[in-house]
Amino acid sequence: MTLGEWMDEEAAKEKEIGRAEGRAEGRAEGKIEGIAEAILDVLSLKGNISTDCSDRITAEENVSVLKTWLHLAVEVTSLEEFMEKM
């Protein structure tokens, strides 16, 4: 194998690693967006969601926090109660 061939092979490996990282990042972002959307869907059944509430939910990037909020959204009886407890 020549130096040029080796360099081409290494560049191809790095490119594939970058693609894999990009796919993983995209899946994580999609999961976050999906949970936030689910929270907003549940809350919309309880009334009109304020912009502040919606913005706070869609800005959150921690999946654990979003899952906690999703459970809370299901359990509470009002948007006010959700906002107090989140």
PDB file of N, CA and C in Angstrom:
ATOM      1  N   MET A   1       0.864  -1.177   0.000  1.00  0.00           N
ATOM      2  CA  MET A   1       0.000   0.000   0.000  1.00  0.00           C
ATOM      3  C   MET A   1       0.905   1.233   0.000  1.00  0.00           C
ATOM      4  N   THR A   2       0.582   2.151  -0.867  1.00  0.00           N
ATOM      5  CA  THR A   2       1.362   3.374  -0.931  1.00  0.00           C
ATOM      6  C   THR A   2       0.871   4.349   0.134  1.00  0.00           C
ATOM      7  N   LEU A   3       1.681   5.355   0.387  1.00  0.00           N
ATOM      8  CA  LEU A   3       1.303   6.381   1.351  1.00  0.00           C
ATOM      9  C   LEU A   3       0.007   7.063   0.918  1.00  0.00           C
ATOM     10  N   GLY A   4      -0.140   7.343  -0.342  1.00  0.00           N
ATOM     11  CA  GLY A   4      -1.346   7.989  -0.864  1.00  0.00           C
ATOM     12  C   GLY A   4      -2.580   7.126  -0.666  1.00  0.00           C
ATOM     13  N   GLU A   5      -2.441   5.824  -0.901  1.00  0.00           N
ATOM     14  CA  GLU A   5      -3.564   4.902  -0.703  1.00  0.00           C
ATOM     15  C   GLU A   5      -3.944   4.839   0.774  1.00  0.00           C
ATOM     16  N   TRP A   6      -2.929   4.806   1.621  1.00  0.00           N
ATOM     17  CA  TRP A   6      -3.186   4.759   3.066  1.00  0.00           C
ATOM     18  C   TRP A   6      -3.911   6.030   3.515  1.00  0.00           C
ATOM     19  N   MET A   7      -3.458   7.178   3.007  1.00  0.00           N
ATOM     20  CA  MET A   7      -4.092   8.444   3.365  1.00  0.00           C
ATOM     21  C   MET A   7      -5.545   8.486   2.881  1.00  0.00           C
ATOM     22  N   ASP A   8      -5.782   7.975   1.678  1.00  0.00           N
ATOM     23  CA  ASP A   8      -7.152   7.924   1.157  1.00  0.00           C
ATOM     24  C   ASP A   8      -8.022   7.026   2.023  1.00  0.00           C
ATOM     25  N   GLU A   9      -7.483   5.901   2.449  1.00  0.00           N
ATOM     26  CA  GLU A   9      -8.218   4.963   3.296  1.00  0.00           C
ATOM     27  C   GLU A   9      -8.548   5.598   4.649  1.00  0.00           C
ATOM     28  N   GLU A  10      -7.580   6.286   5.228  1.00  0.00           N
ATOM     29  CA  GLU A  10      -7.805   6.955   6.516  1.00  0.00           C
ATOM     30  C   GLU A  10      -8.842   8.076   6.387  1.00  0.00           C
ATOM     31  N   ALA A  11      -8.775   8.807   5.287  1.00  0.00           N
ATOM     32  CA  ALA A  11      -9.756   9.870   5.051  1.00  0.00           C
ATOM     33  C   ALA A  11     -11.159   9.283   4.923  1.00  0.00           C
ATOM     34  N   ALA A  12     -11.289   8.144   4.251  1.00  0.00           N
ATOM     35  CA  ALA A  12     -12.592   7.486   4.100  1.00  0.00           C
ATOM     36  C   ALA A  12     -13.117   7.022   5.464  1.00  0.00           C
ATOM     37  N   LYS A  13     -12.220   6.499   6.312  1.00  0.00           N
ATOM     38  CA  LYS A  13     -12.619   6.070   7.659  1.00  0.00           C
ATOM     39  C   LYS A  13     -13.122   7.258   8.476  1.00  0.00           C
ATOM     40  N   GLU A  14     -12.402   8.363   8.415  1.00  0.00           N
ATOM     41  CA  GLU A  14     -12.799   9.570   9.149  1.00  0.00           C
ATOM     42  C   GLU A  14     -14.143  10.096   8.652  1.00  0.00           C
ATOM     43  N   LYS A  15     -14.337  10.026   7.349  1.00  0.00           N
ATOM     44  CA  LYS A  15     -15.595  10.482   6.766  1.00  0.00           C
ATOM     45  C   LYS A  15     -16.751   9.628   7.275  1.00  0.00           C
ATOM     46  N   GLU A  16     -16.564   8.320   7.349  1.00  0.00           N
ATOM     47  CA  GLU A  16     -17.610   7.420   7.833  1.00  0.00           C
ATOM     48  C   GLU A  16     -17.884   7.648   9.322  1.00  0.00           C
ATOM     49  N   ILE A  17     -16.837   7.905  10.091  1.00  0.00           N
ATOM     50  CA  ILE A  17     -17.027   8.220  11.512  1.00  0.00           C
ATOM     51  C   ILE A  17     -17.860   9.493  11.647  1.00  0.00           C
ATOM     52  N   GLY A  18     -17.559  10.492  10.839  1.00  0.00           N
ATOM     53  CA  GLY A  18     -18.317  11.742  10.856  1.00  0.00           C
ATOM     54  C   GLY A  18     -19.779  11.523  10.501  1.00  0.00           C
ATOM     55  N   ARG A  19     -20.016  10.668   9.520  1.00  0.00           N
ATOM     56  CA  ARG A  19     -21.406  10.364   9.142  1.00  0.00           C
ATOM     57  C   ARG A  19     -22.146   9.675  10.290  1.00  0.00           C
ATOM     58  N   ALA A  20     -21.477   8.718  10.925  1.00  0.00           N
ATOM     59  CA  ALA A  20     -22.100   7.997  12.044  1.00  0.00           C
ATOM     60  C   ALA A  20     -22.410   8.950  13.191  1.00  0.00           C
ATOM     61  N   GLU A  21     -21.482   9.833  13.483  1.00  0.00           N
ATOM     62  CA  GLU A  21     -21.714  10.812  14.555  1.00  0.00           C
ATOM     63  C   GLU A  21     -22.879  11.729  14.186  1.00  0.00           C
ATOM     64  N   GLY A  22     -22.969  12.133  12.941  1.00  0.00           N
ATOM     65  CA  GLY A  22     -24.059  12.986  12.483  1.00  0.00           C
ATOM     66  C   GLY A  22     -25.403  12.285  12.594  1.00  0.00           C
ATOM     67  N   ARG A  23     -25.436  10.999  12.232  1.00  0.00           N
ATOM     68  CA  ARG A  23     -26.691  10.234  12.349  1.00  0.00           C
ATOM     69  C   ARG A  23     -27.108  10.117  13.811  1.00  0.00           C
ATOM     70  N   ALA A  24     -26.152   9.842  14.696  1.00  0.00           N
ATOM     71  CA  ALA A  24     -26.468   9.717  16.119  1.00  0.00           C
ATOM     72  C   ALA A  24     -26.981  11.039  16.678  1.00  0.00           C
ATOM     73  N   GLU A  25     -26.349  12.122  16.280  1.00  0.00           N
ATOM     74  CA  GLU A  25     -26.780  13.447  16.735  1.00  0.00           C
ATOM     75  C   GLU A  25     -28.187  13.759  16.229  1.00  0.00           C
ATOM     76  N   GLY A  26     -28.455  13.403  14.995  1.00  0.00           N
ATOM     77  CA  GLY A  26     -29.782  13.628  14.426  1.00  0.00           C
ATOM     78  C   GLY A  26     -30.854  12.826  15.142  1.00  0.00           C
ATOM     79  N   ARG A  27     -30.530  11.580  15.492  1.00  0.00           N
ATOM     80  CA  ARG A  27     -31.496  10.754  16.231  1.00  0.00           C
ATOM     81  C   ARG A  27     -31.763  11.348  17.603  1.00  0.00           C
ATOM     82  N   ALA A  28     -30.724  11.816  18.278  1.00  0.00           N
ATOM     83  CA  ALA A  28     -30.892  12.414  19.607  1.00  0.00           C
ATOM     84  C   ALA A  28     -31.759  13.671  19.528  1.00  0.00           C
ATOM     85  N   GLU A  29     -31.501  14.504  18.536  1.00  0.00           N
ATOM     86  CA  GLU A  29     -32.297  15.718  18.363  1.00  0.00           C
ATOM     87  C   GLU A  29     -33.751  15.372  18.054  1.00  0.00           C
ATOM     88  N   GLY A  30     -33.950  14.349  17.234  1.00  0.00           N
ATOM     89  CA  GLY A  30     -35.303  13.918  16.905  1.00  0.00           C
ATOM     90  C   GLY A  30     -36.048  13.401  18.125  1.00  0.00           C
ATOM     91  N   LYS A  31     -35.330  12.691  18.979  1.00  0.00           N
ATOM     92  CA  LYS A  31     -35.951  12.176  20.203  1.00  0.00           C
ATOM     93  C   LYS A  31     -36.374  13.328  21.105  1.00  0.00           C
ATOM     94  N   ILE A  32     -35.508  14.297  21.259  1.00  0.00           N
ATOM     95  CA  ILE A  32     -35.815  15.466  22.086  1.00  0.00           C
ATOM     96  C   ILE A  32     -37.031  16.202  21.535  1.00  0.00           C
ATOM     97  N   GLU A  33     -37.041  16.439  20.236  1.00  0.00           N
ATOM     98  CA  GLU A  33     -38.164  17.137  19.614  1.00  0.00           C
ATOM     99  C   GLU A  33     -39.460  16.347  19.761  1.00  0.00           C
ATOM    100  N   GLY A  34     -39.374  15.022  19.654  1.00  0.00           N
ATOM    101  CA  GLY A  34     -40.555  14.184  19.778  1.00  0.00           C
ATOM    102  C   GLY A  34     -41.153  14.219  21.168  1.00  0.00           C
ATOM    103  N   ILE A  35     -40.301  14.178  22.185  1.00  0.00           N
ATOM    104  CA  ILE A  35     -40.800  14.235  23.561  1.00  0.00           C
ATOM    105  C   ILE A  35     -41.418  15.603  23.836  1.00  0.00           C
ATOM    106  N   ALA A  36     -40.738  16.665  23.395  1.00  0.00           N
ATOM    107  CA  ALA A  36     -41.279  18.018  23.597  1.00  0.00           C
ATOM    108  C   ALA A  36     -42.632  18.151  22.917  1.00  0.00           C
ATOM    109  N   GLU A  37     -42.769  17.612  21.715  1.00  0.00           N
ATOM    110  CA  GLU A  37     -44.039  17.670  21.002  1.00  0.00           C
ATOM    111  C   GLU A  37     -45.121  16.902  21.758  1.00  0.00           C
ATOM    112  N   ALA A  38     -44.759  15.760  22.321  1.00  0.00           N
ATOM    113  CA  ALA A  38     -45.725  14.976  23.095  1.00  0.00           C
ATOM    114  C   ALA A  38     -46.204  15.755  24.323  1.00  0.00           C
ATOM    115  N   ILE A  39     -45.281  16.420  24.997  1.00  0.00           N
ATOM    116  CA  ILE A  39     -45.652  17.242  26.157  1.00  0.00           C
ATOM    117  C   ILE A  39     -46.645  18.310  25.738  1.00  0.00           C
ATOM    118  N   LEU A  40     -46.339  19.012  24.664  1.00  0.00           N
ATOM    119  CA  LEU A  40     -47.216  20.080  24.188  1.00  0.00           C
ATOM    120  C   LEU A  40     -48.578  19.531  23.762  1.00  0.00           C
ATOM    121  N   ASP A  41     -48.591  18.355  23.155  1.00  0.00           N
ATOM    122  CA  ASP A  41     -49.860  17.731  22.770  1.00  0.00           C
ATOM    123  C   ASP A  41     -50.719  17.435  23.991  1.00  0.00           C
ATOM    124  N   VAL A  42     -50.113  16.855  25.020  1.00  0.00           N
ATOM    125  CA  VAL A  42     -50.858  16.533  26.246  1.00  0.00           C
ATOM    126  C   VAL A  42     -51.361  17.812  26.899  1.00  0.00           C
ATOM    127  N   LEU A  43     -50.483  18.799  26.998  1.00  0.00           N
ATOM    128  CA  LEU A  43     -50.879  20.052  27.646  1.00  0.00           C
ATOM    129  C   LEU A  43     -51.967  20.788  26.865  1.00  0.00           C
ATOM    130  N   SER A  44     -51.971  20.651  25.555  1.00  0.00           N
ATOM    131  CA  SER A  44     -52.983  21.342  24.755  1.00  0.00           C
ATOM    132  C   SER A  44     -54.388  20.835  25.082  1.00  0.00           C
ATOM    133  N   LEU A  45     -54.484  19.632  25.613  1.00  0.00           N
ATOM    134  CA  LEU A  45     -55.782  19.099  26.030  1.00  0.00           C
ATOM    135  C   LEU A  45     -56.272  19.760  27.318  1.00  0.00           C
ATOM    136  N   LYS A  46     -55.368  20.453  27.996  1.00  0.00           N
ATOM    137  CA  LYS A  46     -55.700  21.084  29.278  1.00  0.00           C
ATOM    138  C   LYS A  46     -55.927  22.586  29.146  1.00  0.00           C
ATOM    139  N   GLY A  47     -55.750  23.128  27.949  1.00  0.00           N
ATOM    140  CA  GLY A  47     -55.963  24.558  27.747  1.00  0.00           C
ATOM    141  C   GLY A  47     -54.971  25.148  26.761  1.00  0.00           C
ATOM    142  N   ASN A  48     -54.980  26.476  26.681  1.00  0.00           N
ATOM    143  CA  ASN A  48     -54.070  27.194  25.787  1.00  0.00           C
ATOM    144  C   ASN A  48     -52.710  27.334  26.447  1.00  0.00           C
ATOM    145  N   ILE A  49     -51.701  26.851  25.772  1.00  0.00           N
ATOM    146  CA  ILE A  49     -50.338  26.868  26.305  1.00  0.00           C
ATOM    147  C   ILE A  49     -49.729  28.238  26.044  1.00  0.00           C
ATOM    148  N   SER A  50     -49.172  28.843  27.093  1.00  0.00           N
ATOM    149  CA  SER A  50     -48.542  30.152  26.923  1.00  0.00           C
ATOM    150  C   SER A  50     -47.257  30.006  26.109  1.00  0.00           C
ATOM    151  N   THR A  51     -46.872  31.097  25.492  1.00  0.00           N
ATOM    152  CA  THR A  51     -45.625  31.109  24.730  1.00  0.00           C
ATOM    153  C   THR A  51     -44.443  30.806  25.634  1.00  0.00           C
ATOM    154  N   ASP A  52     -44.451  31.353  26.862  1.00  0.00           N
ATOM    155  CA  ASP A  52     -43.359  31.097  27.807  1.00  0.00           C
ATOM    156  C   ASP A  52     -43.228  29.610  28.109  1.00  0.00           C
ATOM    157  N   CYS A  53     -44.353  28.963  28.351  1.00  0.00           N
ATOM    158  CA  CYS A  53     -44.350  27.537  28.649  1.00  0.00           C
ATOM    159  C   CYS A  53     -43.847  26.746  27.444  1.00  0.00           C
ATOM    160  N   SER A  54     -44.384  27.037  26.283  1.00  0.00           N
ATOM    161  CA  SER A  54     -43.983  26.348  25.057  1.00  0.00           C
ATOM    162  C   SER A  54     -42.496  26.546  24.773  1.00  0.00           C
ATOM    163  N   ASP A  55     -42.034  27.781  24.919  1.00  0.00           N
ATOM    164  CA  ASP A  55     -40.616  28.080  24.678  1.00  0.00           C
ATOM    165  C   ASP A  55     -39.708  27.327  25.636  1.00  0.00           C
ATOM    166  N   ARG A  56     -40.123  27.258  26.892  1.00  0.00           N
ATOM    167  CA  ARG A  56     -39.304  26.554  27.885  1.00  0.00           C
ATOM    168  C   ARG A  56     -39.210  25.065  27.555  1.00  0.00           C
ATOM    169  N   ILE A  57     -40.316  24.489  27.143  1.00  0.00           N
ATOM    170  CA  ILE A  57     -40.327  23.064  26.812  1.00  0.00           C
ATOM    171  C   ILE A  57     -39.480  22.788  25.574  1.00  0.00           C
ATOM    172  N   THR A  58     -39.658  23.589  24.527  1.00  0.00           N
ATOM    173  CA  THR A  58     -38.928  23.336  23.286  1.00  0.00           C
ATOM    174  C   THR A  58     -37.444  23.692  23.390  1.00  0.00           C
ATOM    175  N   ALA A  59     -37.075  24.496  24.381  1.00  0.00           N
ATOM    176  CA  ALA A  59     -35.666  24.849  24.570  1.00  0.00           C
ATOM    177  C   ALA A  59     -34.902  23.789  25.371  1.00  0.00           C
ATOM    178  N   GLU A  60     -35.637  22.955  26.095  1.00  0.00           N
ATOM    179  CA  GLU A  60     -34.987  21.946  26.949  1.00  0.00           C
ATOM    180  C   GLU A  60     -34.327  20.872  26.091  1.00  0.00           C
ATOM    181  N   GLU A  61     -33.079  20.528  26.425  1.00  0.00           N
ATOM    182  CA  GLU A  61     -32.330  19.541  25.657  1.00  0.00           C
ATOM    183  C   GLU A  61     -31.999  18.282  26.458  1.00  0.00           C
ATOM    184  N   ASN A  62     -32.400  18.255  27.717  1.00  0.00           N
ATOM    185  CA  ASN A  62     -32.122  17.096  28.558  1.00  0.00           C
ATOM    186  C   ASN A  62     -33.292  16.121  28.471  1.00  0.00           C
ATOM    187  N   VAL A  63     -33.031  14.932  27.950  1.00  0.00           N
ATOM    188  CA  VAL A  63     -34.081  13.942  27.755  1.00  0.00           C
ATOM    189  C   VAL A  63     -34.727  13.549  29.084  1.00  0.00           C
ATOM    190  N   SER A  64     -33.948  13.423  30.132  1.00  0.00           N
ATOM    191  CA  SER A  64     -34.498  13.052  31.443  1.00  0.00           C
ATOM    192  C   SER A  64     -35.483  14.098  31.949  1.00  0.00           C
ATOM    193  N   VAL A  65     -35.139  15.350  31.786  1.00  0.00           N
ATOM    194  CA  VAL A  65     -36.035  16.439  32.199  1.00  0.00           C
ATOM    195  C   VAL A  65     -37.314  16.384  31.375  1.00  0.00           C
ATOM    196  N   LEU A  66     -37.177  16.205  30.072  1.00  0.00           N
ATOM    197  CA  LEU A  66     -38.352  16.147  29.211  1.00  0.00           C
ATOM    198  C   LEU A  66     -39.252  14.970  29.567  1.00  0.00           C
ATOM    199  N   LYS A  67     -38.672  13.825  29.872  1.00  0.00           N
ATOM    200  CA  LYS A  67     -39.481  12.662  30.259  1.00  0.00           C
ATOM    201  C   LYS A  67     -40.225  12.940  31.564  1.00  0.00           C
ATOM    202  N   THR A  68     -39.548  13.595  32.492  1.00  0.00           N
ATOM    203  CA  THR A  68     -40.192  13.963  33.755  1.00  0.00           C
ATOM    204  C   THR A  68     -41.363  14.898  33.483  1.00  0.00           C
ATOM    205  N   TRP A  69     -41.146  15.884  32.606  1.00  0.00           N
ATOM    206  CA  TRP A  69     -42.212  16.821  32.266  1.00  0.00           C
ATOM    207  C   TRP A  69     -43.360  16.122  31.548  1.00  0.00           C
ATOM    208  N   LEU A  70     -43.060  15.129  30.731  1.00  0.00           N
ATOM    209  CA  LEU A  70     -44.116  14.399  30.037  1.00  0.00           C
ATOM    210  C   LEU A  70     -45.003  13.666  31.048  1.00  0.00           C
ATOM    211  N   HIS A  71     -44.383  12.998  32.003  1.00  0.00           N
ATOM    212  CA  HIS A  71     -45.151  12.327  33.054  1.00  0.00           C
ATOM    213  C   HIS A  71     -45.983  13.341  33.840  1.00  0.00           C
ATOM    214  N   LEU A  72     -45.371  14.466  34.150  1.00  0.00           N
ATOM    215  CA  LEU A  72     -46.072  15.515  34.880  1.00  0.00           C
ATOM    216  C   LEU A  72     -47.263  16.036  34.079  1.00  0.00           C
ATOM    217  N   ALA A  73     -47.065  16.236  32.787  1.00  0.00           N
ATOM    218  CA  ALA A  73     -48.136  16.747  31.931  1.00  0.00           C
ATOM    219  C   ALA A  73     -49.345  15.808  31.949  1.00  0.00           C
ATOM    220  N   VAL A  74     -49.079  14.521  32.017  1.00  0.00           N
ATOM    221  CA  VAL A  74     -50.172  13.547  32.059  1.00  0.00           C
ATOM    222  C   VAL A  74     -50.885  13.583  33.409  1.00  0.00           C
ATOM    223  N   GLU A  75     -50.123  13.785  34.472  1.00  0.00           N
ATOM    224  CA  GLU A  75     -50.668  13.698  35.831  1.00  0.00           C
ATOM    225  C   GLU A  75     -51.435  14.931  36.298  1.00  0.00           C
ATOM    226  N   VAL A  76     -51.023  16.117  35.862  1.00  0.00           N
ATOM    227  CA  VAL A  76     -51.638  17.342  36.385  1.00  0.00           C
ATOM    228  C   VAL A  76     -53.036  17.554  35.805  1.00  0.00           C
ATOM    229  N   THR A  77     -53.804  18.383  36.495  1.00  0.00           N
ATOM    230  CA  THR A  77     -55.159  18.659  36.027  1.00  0.00           C
ATOM    231  C   THR A  77     -55.273  20.008  35.309  1.00  0.00           C
ATOM    232  N   SER A  78     -54.203  20.829  35.383  1.00  0.00           N
ATOM    233  CA  SER A  78     -54.265  22.140  34.727  1.00  0.00           C
ATOM    234  C   SER A  78     -52.877  22.568  34.265  1.00  0.00           C
ATOM    235  N   LEU A  79     -52.874  23.511  33.344  1.00  0.00           N
ATOM    236  CA  LEU A  79     -51.602  24.088  32.890  1.00  0.00           C
ATOM    237  C   LEU A  79     -50.904  24.821  34.025  1.00  0.00           C
ATOM    238  N   GLU A  80     -51.676  25.480  34.853  1.00  0.00           N
ATOM    239  CA  GLU A  80     -51.098  26.215  35.984  1.00  0.00           C
ATOM    240  C   GLU A  80     -50.353  25.259  36.909  1.00  0.00           C
ATOM    241  N   GLU A  81     -50.956  24.112  37.182  1.00  0.00           N
ATOM    242  CA  GLU A  81     -50.318  23.124  38.043  1.00  0.00           C
ATOM    243  C   GLU A  81     -49.033  22.604  37.390  1.00  0.00           C
ATOM    244  N   PHE A  82     -49.070  22.407  36.075  1.00  0.00           N
ATOM    245  CA  PHE A  82     -47.876  21.965  35.370  1.00  0.00           C
ATOM    246  C   PHE A  82     -46.755  22.979  35.522  1.00  0.00           C
ATOM    247  N   MET A  83     -47.076  24.248  35.273  1.00  0.00           N
ATOM    248  CA  MET A  83     -46.062  25.306  35.369  1.00  0.00           C
ATOM    249  C   MET A  83     -45.501  25.435  36.782  1.00  0.00           C
ATOM    250  N   GLU A  84     -46.327  25.261  37.780  1.00  0.00           N
ATOM    251  CA  GLU A  84     -45.855  25.341  39.164  1.00  0.00           C
ATOM    252  C   GLU A  84     -44.887  24.218  39.489  1.00  0.00           C
ATOM    253  N   LYS A  85     -45.145  23.041  38.949  1.00  0.00           N
ATOM    254  CA  LYS A  85     -44.368  21.859  39.323  1.00  0.00           C
ATOM    255  C   LYS A  85     -43.158  21.602  38.413  1.00  0.00           C
ATOM    256  N   MET A  86     -43.138  22.215  37.250  1.00  0.00           N
ATOM    257  CA  MET A  86     -42.022  21.959  36.354  1.00  0.00           C
ATOM    258  C   MET A  86     -40.817  22.696  36.811  1.00  0.00           C
TER     259      MET A  86
END
